[in-house]
Amino acid sequence: RSAQHSHAPVSADDFPALPLTLALPHCPQSVAGARRFARA
């Protein structure tokens, strides 16, 4: 979403929900991926 971090309504289908579990590749790029999912 925008960098302004708008809290506009979203549907449950738009983003992952809690609890969230992700198997990640063991590489530096996974840090950004985990952050994207956590932010969502």
PDB file of all heavy atoms in Angstrom:
ATOM      1  N   ARG A   1       0.844  -1.181   0.000  1.00  0.00           N
ATOM      2  CA  ARG A   1       0.000   0.000   0.000  1.00  0.00           C
ATOM      3  C   ARG A   1       0.879   1.230   0.000  1.00  0.00           C
ATOM      4  O   ARG A   1       2.095   1.136   0.087  1.00  0.00           O
ATOM      5  CB  ARG A   1      -0.901  -0.030   1.232  1.00  0.00           C
ATOM      6  CG  ARG A   1      -1.822  -1.235   1.165  1.00  0.00           C
ATOM      7  CD  ARG A   1      -3.188  -1.014   1.671  1.00  0.00           C
ATOM      8  NE  ARG A   1      -3.333   0.009   2.644  1.00  0.00           N
ATOM      9  CZ  ARG A   1      -3.912  -0.161   3.825  1.00  0.00           C
ATOM     10  NH1 ARG A   1      -4.360  -1.332   4.146  1.00  0.00           N
ATOM     11  NH2 ARG A   1      -4.037   0.825   4.668  1.00  0.00           N
ATOM     12  N   SER A   2       0.315   2.385  -0.058  1.00  0.00           N
ATOM     13  CA  SER A   2       1.079   3.624  -0.174  1.00  0.00           C
ATOM     14  C   SER A   2       2.014   3.811   1.008  1.00  0.00           C
ATOM     15  O   SER A   2       1.779   3.330   2.096  1.00  0.00           O
ATOM     16  CB  SER A   2       0.145   4.823  -0.270  1.00  0.00           C
ATOM     17  OG  SER A   2      -0.437   5.071   0.999  1.00  0.00           O
ATOM     18  N   ALA A   3       3.066   4.570   0.768  1.00  0.00           N
ATOM     19  CA  ALA A   3       4.058   4.832   1.800  1.00  0.00           C
ATOM     20  C   ALA A   3       3.472   5.680   2.929  1.00  0.00           C
ATOM     21  O   ALA A   3       4.013   5.720   4.021  1.00  0.00           O
ATOM     22  CB  ALA A   3       5.273   5.534   1.194  1.00  0.00           C
ATOM     23  N   GLN A   4       2.354   6.363   2.676  1.00  0.00           N
ATOM     24  CA  GLN A   4       1.736   7.163   3.732  1.00  0.00           C
ATOM     25  C   GLN A   4       1.076   6.287   4.785  1.00  0.00           C
ATOM     26  O   GLN A   4       0.628   6.777   5.801  1.00  0.00           O
ATOM     27  CB  GLN A   4       0.678   8.126   3.154  1.00  0.00           C
ATOM     28  CG  GLN A   4       1.290   9.262   2.395  1.00  0.00           C
ATOM     29  CD  GLN A   4       1.449   8.936   0.923  1.00  0.00           C
ATOM     30  OE1 GLN A   4       0.836   8.004   0.422  1.00  0.00           O
ATOM     31  NE2 GLN A   4       2.285   9.677   0.246  1.00  0.00           N
ATOM     32  N   HIS A   5       0.959   5.014   4.529  1.00  0.00           N
ATOM     33  CA  HIS A   5       0.418   4.051   5.472  1.00  0.00           C
ATOM     34  C   HIS A   5      -1.040   4.365   5.791  1.00  0.00           C
ATOM     35  O   HIS A   5      -1.440   4.489   6.937  1.00  0.00           O
ATOM     36  CB  HIS A   5       1.261   4.018   6.756  1.00  0.00           C
ATOM     37  CG  HIS A   5       0.817   2.951   7.703  1.00  0.00           C
ATOM     38  ND1 HIS A   5       1.174   1.655   7.545  1.00  0.00           N
ATOM     39  CD2 HIS A   5       0.032   2.989   8.790  1.00  0.00           C
ATOM     40  CE1 HIS A   5       0.641   0.937   8.506  1.00  0.00           C
ATOM     41  NE2 HIS A   5      -0.057   1.729   9.271  1.00  0.00           N
ATOM     42  N   SER A   6      -1.816   4.490   4.797  1.00  0.00           N
ATOM     43  CA  SER A   6      -3.246   4.703   4.969  1.00  0.00           C
ATOM     44  C   SER A   6      -3.870   3.456   5.574  1.00  0.00           C
ATOM     45  O   SER A   6      -3.564   2.347   5.182  1.00  0.00           O
ATOM     46  CB  SER A   6      -3.876   4.989   3.605  1.00  0.00           C
ATOM     47  OG  SER A   6      -5.264   4.881   3.677  1.00  0.00           O
ATOM     48  N   HIS A   7      -4.755   3.658   6.513  1.00  0.00           N
ATOM     49  CA  HIS A   7      -5.462   2.534   7.115  1.00  0.00           C
ATOM     50  C   HIS A   7      -6.859   2.420   6.510  1.00  0.00           C
ATOM     51  O   HIS A   7      -7.855   2.270   7.210  1.00  0.00           O
ATOM     52  CB  HIS A   7      -5.546   2.691   8.639  1.00  0.00           C
ATOM     53  CG  HIS A   7      -4.301   2.254   9.326  1.00  0.00           C
ATOM     54  ND1 HIS A   7      -4.036   0.955   9.654  1.00  0.00           N
ATOM     55  CD2 HIS A   7      -3.224   2.944   9.733  1.00  0.00           C
ATOM     56  CE1 HIS A   7      -2.866   0.858  10.246  1.00  0.00           C
ATOM     57  NE2 HIS A   7      -2.353   2.057  10.305  1.00  0.00           N
ATOM     58  N   ALA A   8      -6.933   2.465   5.195  1.00  0.00           N
ATOM     59  CA  ALA A   8      -8.207   2.300   4.498  1.00  0.00           C
ATOM     60  C   ALA A   8      -8.698   0.884   4.720  1.00  0.00           C
ATOM     61  O   ALA A   8      -7.909  -0.035   4.934  1.00  0.00           O
ATOM     62  CB  ALA A   8      -8.025   2.587   3.012  1.00  0.00           C
ATOM     63  N   PRO A   9     -10.004   0.657   4.672  1.00  0.00           N
ATOM     64  CA  PRO A   9     -10.535  -0.694   4.879  1.00  0.00           C
ATOM     65  C   PRO A   9      -9.989  -1.683   3.858  1.00  0.00           C
ATOM     66  O   PRO A   9      -9.808  -1.345   2.697  1.00  0.00           O
ATOM     67  CB  PRO A   9     -12.045  -0.515   4.699  1.00  0.00           C
ATOM     68  CG  PRO A   9     -12.300   0.936   4.864  1.00  0.00           C
ATOM     69  CD  PRO A   9     -11.044   1.643   4.443  1.00  0.00           C
ATOM     70  N   VAL A  10      -9.704  -2.877   4.331  1.00  0.00           N
ATOM     71  CA  VAL A  10      -9.250  -3.955   3.457  1.00  0.00           C
ATOM     72  C   VAL A  10     -10.096  -5.181   3.767  1.00  0.00           C
ATOM     73  O   VAL A  10     -10.643  -5.315   4.854  1.00  0.00           O
ATOM     74  CB  VAL A  10      -7.752  -4.295   3.663  1.00  0.00           C
ATOM     75  CG1 VAL A  10      -6.879  -3.136   3.256  1.00  0.00           C
ATOM     76  CG2 VAL A  10      -7.480  -4.697   5.090  1.00  0.00           C
ATOM     77  N   SER A  11     -10.190  -6.056   2.813  1.00  0.00           N
ATOM     78  CA  SER A  11     -10.931  -7.289   3.064  1.00  0.00           C
ATOM     79  C   SER A  11      -9.959  -8.366   3.537  1.00  0.00           C
ATOM     80  O   SER A  11      -8.750  -8.264   3.331  1.00  0.00           O
ATOM     81  CB  SER A  11     -11.646  -7.744   1.796  1.00  0.00           C
ATOM     82  OG  SER A  11     -10.731  -8.330   0.909  1.00  0.00           O
ATOM     83  N   ALA A  12     -10.493  -9.399   4.135  1.00  0.00           N
ATOM     84  CA  ALA A  12      -9.666 -10.501   4.630  1.00  0.00           C
ATOM     85  C   ALA A  12      -8.932 -11.192   3.496  1.00  0.00           C
ATOM     86  O   ALA A  12      -7.893 -11.812   3.710  1.00  0.00           O
ATOM     87  CB  ALA A  12     -10.530 -11.496   5.387  1.00  0.00           C
ATOM     88  N   ASP A  13      -9.456 -11.088   2.275  1.00  0.00           N
ATOM     89  CA  ASP A  13      -8.806 -11.726   1.134  1.00  0.00           C
ATOM     90  C   ASP A  13      -7.588 -10.952   0.644  1.00  0.00           C
ATOM     91  O   ASP A  13      -6.782 -11.473  -0.108  1.00  0.00           O
ATOM     92  CB  ASP A  13      -9.792 -11.876  -0.024  1.00  0.00           C
ATOM     93  CG  ASP A  13     -10.947 -12.799   0.340  1.00  0.00           C
ATOM     94  OD1 ASP A  13     -10.742 -13.687   1.188  1.00  0.00           O
ATOM     95  OD2 ASP A  13     -12.037 -12.623  -0.229  1.00  0.00           O
ATOM     96  N   ASP A  14      -7.464  -9.686   1.035  1.00  0.00           N
ATOM     97  CA  ASP A  14      -6.389  -8.833   0.542  1.00  0.00           C
ATOM     98  C   ASP A  14      -5.031  -9.130   1.181  1.00  0.00           C
ATOM     99  O   ASP A  14      -3.999  -8.952   0.551  1.00  0.00           O
ATOM    100  CB  ASP A  14      -6.722  -7.356   0.770  1.00  0.00           C
ATOM    101  CG  ASP A  14      -7.872  -6.883  -0.091  1.00  0.00           C
ATOM    102  OD1 ASP A  14      -8.111  -7.496  -1.151  1.00  0.00           O
ATOM    103  OD2 ASP A  14      -8.538  -5.913   0.309  1.00  0.00           O
ATOM    104  N   PHE A  15      -5.022  -9.536   2.442  1.00  0.00           N
ATOM    105  CA  PHE A  15      -3.781  -9.696   3.184  1.00  0.00           C
ATOM    106  C   PHE A  15      -3.809 -10.988   3.989  1.00  0.00           C
ATOM    107  O   PHE A  15      -4.873 -11.479   4.338  1.00  0.00           O
ATOM    108  CB  PHE A  15      -3.572  -8.525   4.145  1.00  0.00           C
ATOM    109  CG  PHE A  15      -3.367  -7.213   3.446  1.00  0.00           C
ATOM    110  CD1 PHE A  15      -4.380  -6.272   3.417  1.00  0.00           C
ATOM    111  CD2 PHE A  15      -2.183  -6.924   2.808  1.00  0.00           C
ATOM    112  CE1 PHE A  15      -4.195  -5.063   2.788  1.00  0.00           C
ATOM    113  CE2 PHE A  15      -1.994  -5.729   2.166  1.00  0.00           C
ATOM    114  CZ  PHE A  15      -3.005  -4.788   2.156  1.00  0.00           C
ATOM    115  N   PRO A  16      -2.630 -11.496   4.333  1.00  0.00           N
ATOM    116  CA  PRO A  16      -2.584 -12.670   5.200  1.00  0.00           C
ATOM    117  C   PRO A  16      -3.116 -12.323   6.591  1.00  0.00           C
ATOM    118  O   PRO A  16      -3.162 -11.164   6.975  1.00  0.00           O
ATOM    119  CB  PRO A  16      -1.093 -13.026   5.242  1.00  0.00           C
ATOM    120  CG  PRO A  16      -0.357 -11.850   4.729  1.00  0.00           C
ATOM    121  CD  PRO A  16      -1.313 -11.022   3.932  1.00  0.00           C
ATOM    122  N   ALA A  17      -3.529 -13.311   7.331  1.00  0.00           N
ATOM    123  CA  ALA A  17      -4.094 -13.109   8.661  1.00  0.00           C
ATOM    124  C   ALA A  17      -3.249 -13.827   9.706  1.00  0.00           C
ATOM    125  O   ALA A  17      -2.386 -14.643   9.380  1.00  0.00           O
ATOM    126  CB  ALA A  17      -5.524 -13.635   8.692  1.00  0.00           C
ATOM    127  N   LEU A  18      -3.522 -13.536  10.960  1.00  0.00           N
ATOM    128  CA  LEU A  18      -2.864 -14.218  12.061  1.00  0.00           C
ATOM    129  C   LEU A  18      -3.560 -15.543  12.324  1.00  0.00           C
ATOM    130  O   LEU A  18      -4.773 -15.616  12.190  1.00  0.00           O
ATOM    131  CB  LEU A  18      -2.926 -13.352  13.323  1.00  0.00           C
ATOM    132  CG  LEU A  18      -2.103 -12.085  13.289  1.00  0.00           C
ATOM    133  CD1 LEU A  18      -2.351 -11.286  14.559  1.00  0.00           C
ATOM    134  CD2 LEU A  18      -0.625 -12.384  13.150  1.00  0.00           C
ATOM    135  N   PRO A  19      -2.879 -16.572  12.708  1.00  0.00           N
ATOM    136  CA  PRO A  19      -1.423 -16.652  12.765  1.00  0.00           C
ATOM    137  C   PRO A  19      -0.809 -16.785  11.378  1.00  0.00           C
ATOM    138  O   PRO A  19      -1.423 -17.356  10.471  1.00  0.00           O
ATOM    139  CB  PRO A  19      -1.174 -17.906  13.587  1.00  0.00           C
ATOM    140  CG  PRO A  19      -2.368 -18.763  13.325  1.00  0.00           C
ATOM    141  CD  PRO A  19      -3.522 -17.816  13.124  1.00  0.00           C
ATOM    142  N   LEU A  20       0.365 -16.250  11.225  1.00  0.00           N
ATOM    143  CA  LEU A  20       1.097 -16.302   9.964  1.00  0.00           C
ATOM    144  C   LEU A  20       2.332 -17.174  10.166  1.00  0.00           C
ATOM    145  O   LEU A  20       3.084 -16.975  11.120  1.00  0.00           O
ATOM    146  CB  LEU A  20       1.523 -14.892   9.551  1.00  0.00           C
ATOM    147  CG  LEU A  20       2.421 -14.754   8.332  1.00  0.00           C
ATOM    148  CD1 LEU A  20       1.667 -15.137   7.063  1.00  0.00           C
ATOM    149  CD2 LEU A  20       2.951 -13.337   8.215  1.00  0.00           C
ATOM    150  N   THR A  21       2.519 -18.148   9.294  1.00  0.00           N
ATOM    151  CA  THR A  21       3.712 -18.995   9.308  1.00  0.00           C
ATOM    152  C   THR A  21       4.239 -19.066   7.888  1.00  0.00           C
ATOM    153  O   THR A  21       3.490 -19.380   6.958  1.00  0.00           O
ATOM    154  CB  THR A  21       3.385 -20.410   9.807  1.00  0.00           C
ATOM    155  OG1 THR A  21       2.938 -20.320  11.169  1.00  0.00           O
ATOM    156  CG2 THR A  21       4.595 -21.321   9.740  1.00  0.00           C
ATOM    157  N   LEU A  22       5.522 -18.743   7.729  1.00  0.00           N
ATOM    158  CA  LEU A  22       6.154 -18.758   6.405  1.00  0.00           C
ATOM    159  C   LEU A  22       7.460 -19.534   6.454  1.00  0.00           C
ATOM    160  O   LEU A  22       8.348 -19.205   7.245  1.00  0.00           O
ATOM    161  CB  LEU A  22       6.494 -17.331   5.948  1.00  0.00           C
ATOM    162  CG  LEU A  22       5.370 -16.356   5.698  1.00  0.00           C
ATOM    163  CD1 LEU A  22       5.939 -14.959   5.484  1.00  0.00           C
ATOM    164  CD2 LEU A  22       4.581 -16.795   4.481  1.00  0.00           C
ATOM    165  N   ALA A  23       7.584 -20.533   5.610  1.00  0.00           N
ATOM    166  CA  ALA A  23       8.875 -21.182   5.393  1.00  0.00           C
ATOM    167  C   ALA A  23       9.617 -20.299   4.403  1.00  0.00           C
ATOM    168  O   ALA A  23       9.098 -19.984   3.332  1.00  0.00           O
ATOM    169  CB  ALA A  23       8.685 -22.582   4.840  1.00  0.00           C
ATOM    170  N   LEU A  24      10.804 -19.856   4.774  1.00  0.00           N
ATOM    171  CA  LEU A  24      11.566 -18.909   3.961  1.00  0.00           C
ATOM    172  C   LEU A  24      12.866 -19.517   3.464  1.00  0.00           C
ATOM    173  O   LEU A  24      13.475 -20.329   4.165  1.00  0.00           O
ATOM    174  CB  LEU A  24      11.904 -17.670   4.799  1.00  0.00           C
ATOM    175  CG  LEU A  24      10.728 -16.868   5.344  1.00  0.00           C
ATOM    176  CD1 LEU A  24      11.199 -15.874   6.387  1.00  0.00           C
ATOM    177  CD2 LEU A  24      10.015 -16.170   4.208  1.00  0.00           C
ATOM    178  N   PRO A  25      13.309 -19.084   2.291  1.00  0.00           N
ATOM    179  CA  PRO A  25      14.647 -19.491   1.849  1.00  0.00           C
ATOM    180  C   PRO A  25      15.689 -18.934   2.817  1.00  0.00           C
ATOM    181  O   PRO A  25      15.504 -17.851   3.382  1.00  0.00           O
ATOM    182  CB  PRO A  25      14.787 -18.842   0.466  1.00  0.00           C
ATOM    183  CG  PRO A  25      13.424 -18.424   0.065  1.00  0.00           C
ATOM    184  CD  PRO A  25      12.630 -18.232   1.322  1.00  0.00           C
ATOM    185  N   HIS A  26      16.754 -19.656   3.015  1.00  0.00           N
ATOM    186  CA  HIS A  26      17.813 -19.227   3.933  1.00  0.00           C
ATOM    187  C   HIS A  26      18.755 -18.295   3.168  1.00  0.00           C
ATOM    188  O   HIS A  26      19.871 -18.678   2.797  1.00  0.00           O
ATOM    189  CB  HIS A  26      18.548 -20.460   4.465  1.00  0.00           C
ATOM    190  CG  HIS A  26      19.383 -20.179   5.662  1.00  0.00           C
ATOM    191  ND1 HIS A  26      20.699 -19.835   5.576  1.00  0.00           N
ATOM    192  CD2 HIS A  26      19.072 -20.179   6.984  1.00  0.00           C
ATOM    193  CE1 HIS A  26      21.183 -19.646   6.774  1.00  0.00           C
ATOM    194  NE2 HIS A  26      20.208 -19.859   7.655  1.00  0.00           N
ATOM    195  N   CYS A  27      18.276 -17.054   2.930  1.00  0.00           N
ATOM    196  CA  CYS A  27      19.059 -16.077   2.168  1.00  0.00           C
ATOM    197  C   CYS A  27      18.684 -14.665   2.615  1.00  0.00           C
ATOM    198  O   CYS A  27      17.599 -14.458   3.185  1.00  0.00           O
ATOM    199  CB  CYS A  27      18.819 -16.247   0.671  1.00  0.00           C
ATOM    200  SG  CYS A  27      17.136 -15.889   0.144  1.00  0.00           S
ATOM    201  N   PRO A  28      19.542 -13.683   2.368  1.00  0.00           N
ATOM    202  CA  PRO A  28      19.286 -12.314   2.822  1.00  0.00           C
ATOM    203  C   PRO A  28      17.969 -11.720   2.324  1.00  0.00           C
ATOM    204  O   PRO A  28      17.339 -10.927   3.028  1.00  0.00           O
ATOM    205  CB  PRO A  28      20.475 -11.526   2.276  1.00  0.00           C
ATOM    206  CG  PRO A  28      21.561 -12.532   2.131  1.00  0.00           C
ATOM    207  CD  PRO A  28      20.871 -13.815   1.753  1.00  0.00           C
ATOM    208  N   GLN A  29      17.500 -12.086   1.156  1.00  0.00           N
ATOM    209  CA  GLN A  29      16.259 -11.539   0.607  1.00  0.00           C
ATOM    210  C   GLN A  29      15.040 -11.906   1.454  1.00  0.00           C
ATOM    211  O   GLN A  29      14.003 -11.250   1.383  1.00  0.00           O
ATOM    212  CB  GLN A  29      16.055 -11.994  -0.841  1.00  0.00           C
ATOM    213  CG  GLN A  29      17.084 -11.466  -1.802  1.00  0.00           C
ATOM    214  CD  GLN A  29      18.408 -12.233  -1.758  1.00  0.00           C
ATOM    215  OE1 GLN A  29      18.568 -13.247  -1.076  1.00  0.00           O
ATOM    216  NE2 GLN A  29      19.389 -11.724  -2.493  1.00  0.00           N
ATOM    217  N   SER A  30      15.150 -12.938   2.250  1.00  0.00           N
ATOM    218  CA  SER A  30      14.028 -13.361   3.079  1.00  0.00           C
ATOM    219  C   SER A  30      13.687 -12.351   4.173  1.00  0.00           C
ATOM    220  O   SER A  30      12.564 -12.323   4.661  1.00  0.00           O
ATOM    221  CB  SER A  30      14.311 -14.723   3.702  1.00  0.00           C
ATOM    222  OG  SER A  30      14.257 -15.717   2.690  1.00  0.00           O
ATOM    223  N   VAL A  31      14.640 -11.521   4.559  1.00  0.00           N
ATOM    224  CA  VAL A  31      14.364 -10.489   5.561  1.00  0.00           C
ATOM    225  C   VAL A  31      13.293  -9.547   5.022  1.00  0.00           C
ATOM    226  O   VAL A  31      12.292  -9.274   5.684  1.00  0.00           O
ATOM    227  CB  VAL A  31      15.644  -9.723   5.950  1.00  0.00           C
ATOM    228  CG1 VAL A  31      15.316  -8.614   6.942  1.00  0.00           C
ATOM    229  CG2 VAL A  31      16.695 -10.672   6.522  1.00  0.00           C
ATOM    230  N   ALA A  32      13.478  -9.059   3.809  1.00  0.00           N
ATOM    231  CA  ALA A  32      12.499  -8.148   3.202  1.00  0.00           C
ATOM    232  C   ALA A  32      11.160  -8.848   2.983  1.00  0.00           C
ATOM    233  O   ALA A  32      10.095  -8.253   3.201  1.00  0.00           O
ATOM    234  CB  ALA A  32      13.040  -7.597   1.884  1.00  0.00           C
ATOM    235  N   GLY A  33      11.184 -10.094   2.575  1.00  0.00           N
ATOM    236  CA  GLY A  33       9.947 -10.842   2.369  1.00  0.00           C
ATOM    237  C   GLY A  33       9.165 -11.012   3.658  1.00  0.00           C
ATOM    238  O   GLY A  33       7.942 -10.820   3.692  1.00  0.00           O
ATOM    239  N   ALA A  34       9.841 -11.357   4.736  1.00  0.00           N
ATOM    240  CA  ALA A  34       9.170 -11.514   6.028  1.00  0.00           C
ATOM    241  C   ALA A  34       8.587 -10.183   6.488  1.00  0.00           C
ATOM    242  O   ALA A  34       7.474 -10.119   7.012  1.00  0.00           O
ATOM    243  CB  ALA A  34      10.146 -12.071   7.063  1.00  0.00           C
ATOM    244  N   ARG A  35       9.326  -9.101   6.271  1.00  0.00           N
ATOM    245  CA  ARG A  35       8.819  -7.777   6.642  1.00  0.00           C
ATOM    246  C   ARG A  35       7.573  -7.411   5.835  1.00  0.00           C
ATOM    247  O   ARG A  35       6.617  -6.860   6.386  1.00  0.00           O
ATOM    248  CB  ARG A  35       9.891  -6.705   6.421  1.00  0.00           C
ATOM    249  CG  ARG A  35      10.975  -6.700   7.472  1.00  0.00           C
ATOM    250  CD  ARG A  35      12.054  -5.669   7.154  1.00  0.00           C
ATOM    251  NE  ARG A  35      11.516  -4.339   6.950  1.00  0.00           N
ATOM    252  CZ  ARG A  35      11.392  -3.419   7.915  1.00  0.00           C
ATOM    253  NH1 ARG A  35      11.763  -3.709   9.150  1.00  0.00           N
ATOM    254  NH2 ARG A  35      10.911  -2.217   7.649  1.00  0.00           N
ATOM    255  N   ARG A  36       7.558  -7.725   4.536  1.00  0.00           N
ATOM    256  CA  ARG A  36       6.385  -7.413   3.707  1.00  0.00           C
ATOM    257  C   ARG A  36       5.145  -8.140   4.205  1.00  0.00           C
ATOM    258  O   ARG A  36       4.065  -7.552   4.309  1.00  0.00           O
ATOM    259  CB  ARG A  36       6.647  -7.760   2.238  1.00  0.00           C
ATOM    260  CG  ARG A  36       7.447  -6.712   1.502  1.00  0.00           C
ATOM    261  CD  ARG A  36       7.428  -6.942  -0.003  1.00  0.00           C
ATOM    262  NE  ARG A  36       8.009  -8.212  -0.400  1.00  0.00           N
ATOM    263  CZ  ARG A  36       9.303  -8.415  -0.618  1.00  0.00           C
ATOM    264  NH1 ARG A  36      10.165  -7.422  -0.471  1.00  0.00           N
ATOM    265  NH2 ARG A  36       9.736  -9.596  -0.977  1.00  0.00           N
ATOM    266  N   PHE A  37       5.290  -9.421   4.512  1.00  0.00           N
ATOM    267  CA  PHE A  37       4.152 -10.174   5.014  1.00  0.00           C
ATOM    268  C   PHE A  37       3.717  -9.664   6.389  1.00  0.00           C
ATOM    269  O   PHE A  37       2.526  -9.521   6.655  1.00  0.00           O
ATOM    270  CB  PHE A  37       4.453 -11.672   5.060  1.00  0.00           C
ATOM    271  CG  PHE A  37       4.187 -12.351   3.757  1.00  0.00           C
ATOM    272  CD1 PHE A  37       5.201 -12.564   2.841  1.00  0.00           C
ATOM    273  CD2 PHE A  37       2.909 -12.766   3.434  1.00  0.00           C
ATOM    274  CE1 PHE A  37       4.952 -13.183   1.629  1.00  0.00           C
ATOM    275  CE2 PHE A  37       2.642 -13.391   2.226  1.00  0.00           C
ATOM    276  CZ  PHE A  37       3.667 -13.600   1.321  1.00  0.00           C
ATOM    277  N   ALA A  38       4.660  -9.402   7.272  1.00  0.00           N
ATOM    278  CA  ALA A  38       4.314  -8.882   8.596  1.00  0.00           C
ATOM    279  C   ALA A  38       3.615  -7.529   8.481  1.00  0.00           C
ATOM    280  O   ALA A  38       2.625  -7.272   9.165  1.00  0.00           O
ATOM    281  CB  ALA A  38       5.562  -8.768   9.462  1.00  0.00           C
ATOM    282  N   ARG A  39       4.092  -6.678   7.604  1.00  0.00           N
ATOM    283  CA  ARG A  39       3.459  -5.370   7.409  1.00  0.00           C
ATOM    284  C   ARG A  39       2.035  -5.538   6.894  1.00  0.00           C
ATOM    285  O   ARG A  39       1.115  -4.860   7.346  1.00  0.00           O
ATOM    286  CB  ARG A  39       4.260  -4.513   6.439  1.00  0.00           C
ATOM    287  CG  ARG A  39       3.650  -3.136   6.263  1.00  0.00           C
ATOM    288  CD  ARG A  39       4.609  -2.187   5.542  1.00  0.00           C
ATOM    289  NE  ARG A  39       4.111  -0.840   5.623  1.00  0.00           N
ATOM    290  CZ  ARG A  39       3.280  -0.291   4.744  1.00  0.00           C
ATOM    291  NH1 ARG A  39       2.887  -0.973   3.690  1.00  0.00           N
ATOM    292  NH2 ARG A  39       2.845   0.938   4.888  1.00  0.00           N
ATOM    293  N   ALA A  40       1.826  -6.443   5.976  1.00  0.00           N
ATOM    294  CA  ALA A  40       0.483  -6.683   5.448  1.00  0.00           C
ATOM    295  C   ALA A  40      -0.460  -7.128   6.560  1.00  0.00           C
ATOM    296  O   ALA A  40      -1.607  -6.679   6.631  1.00  0.00           O
ATOM    297  CB  ALA A  40       0.530  -7.727   4.330  1.00  0.00           C
TER     298      ALA A  40
END
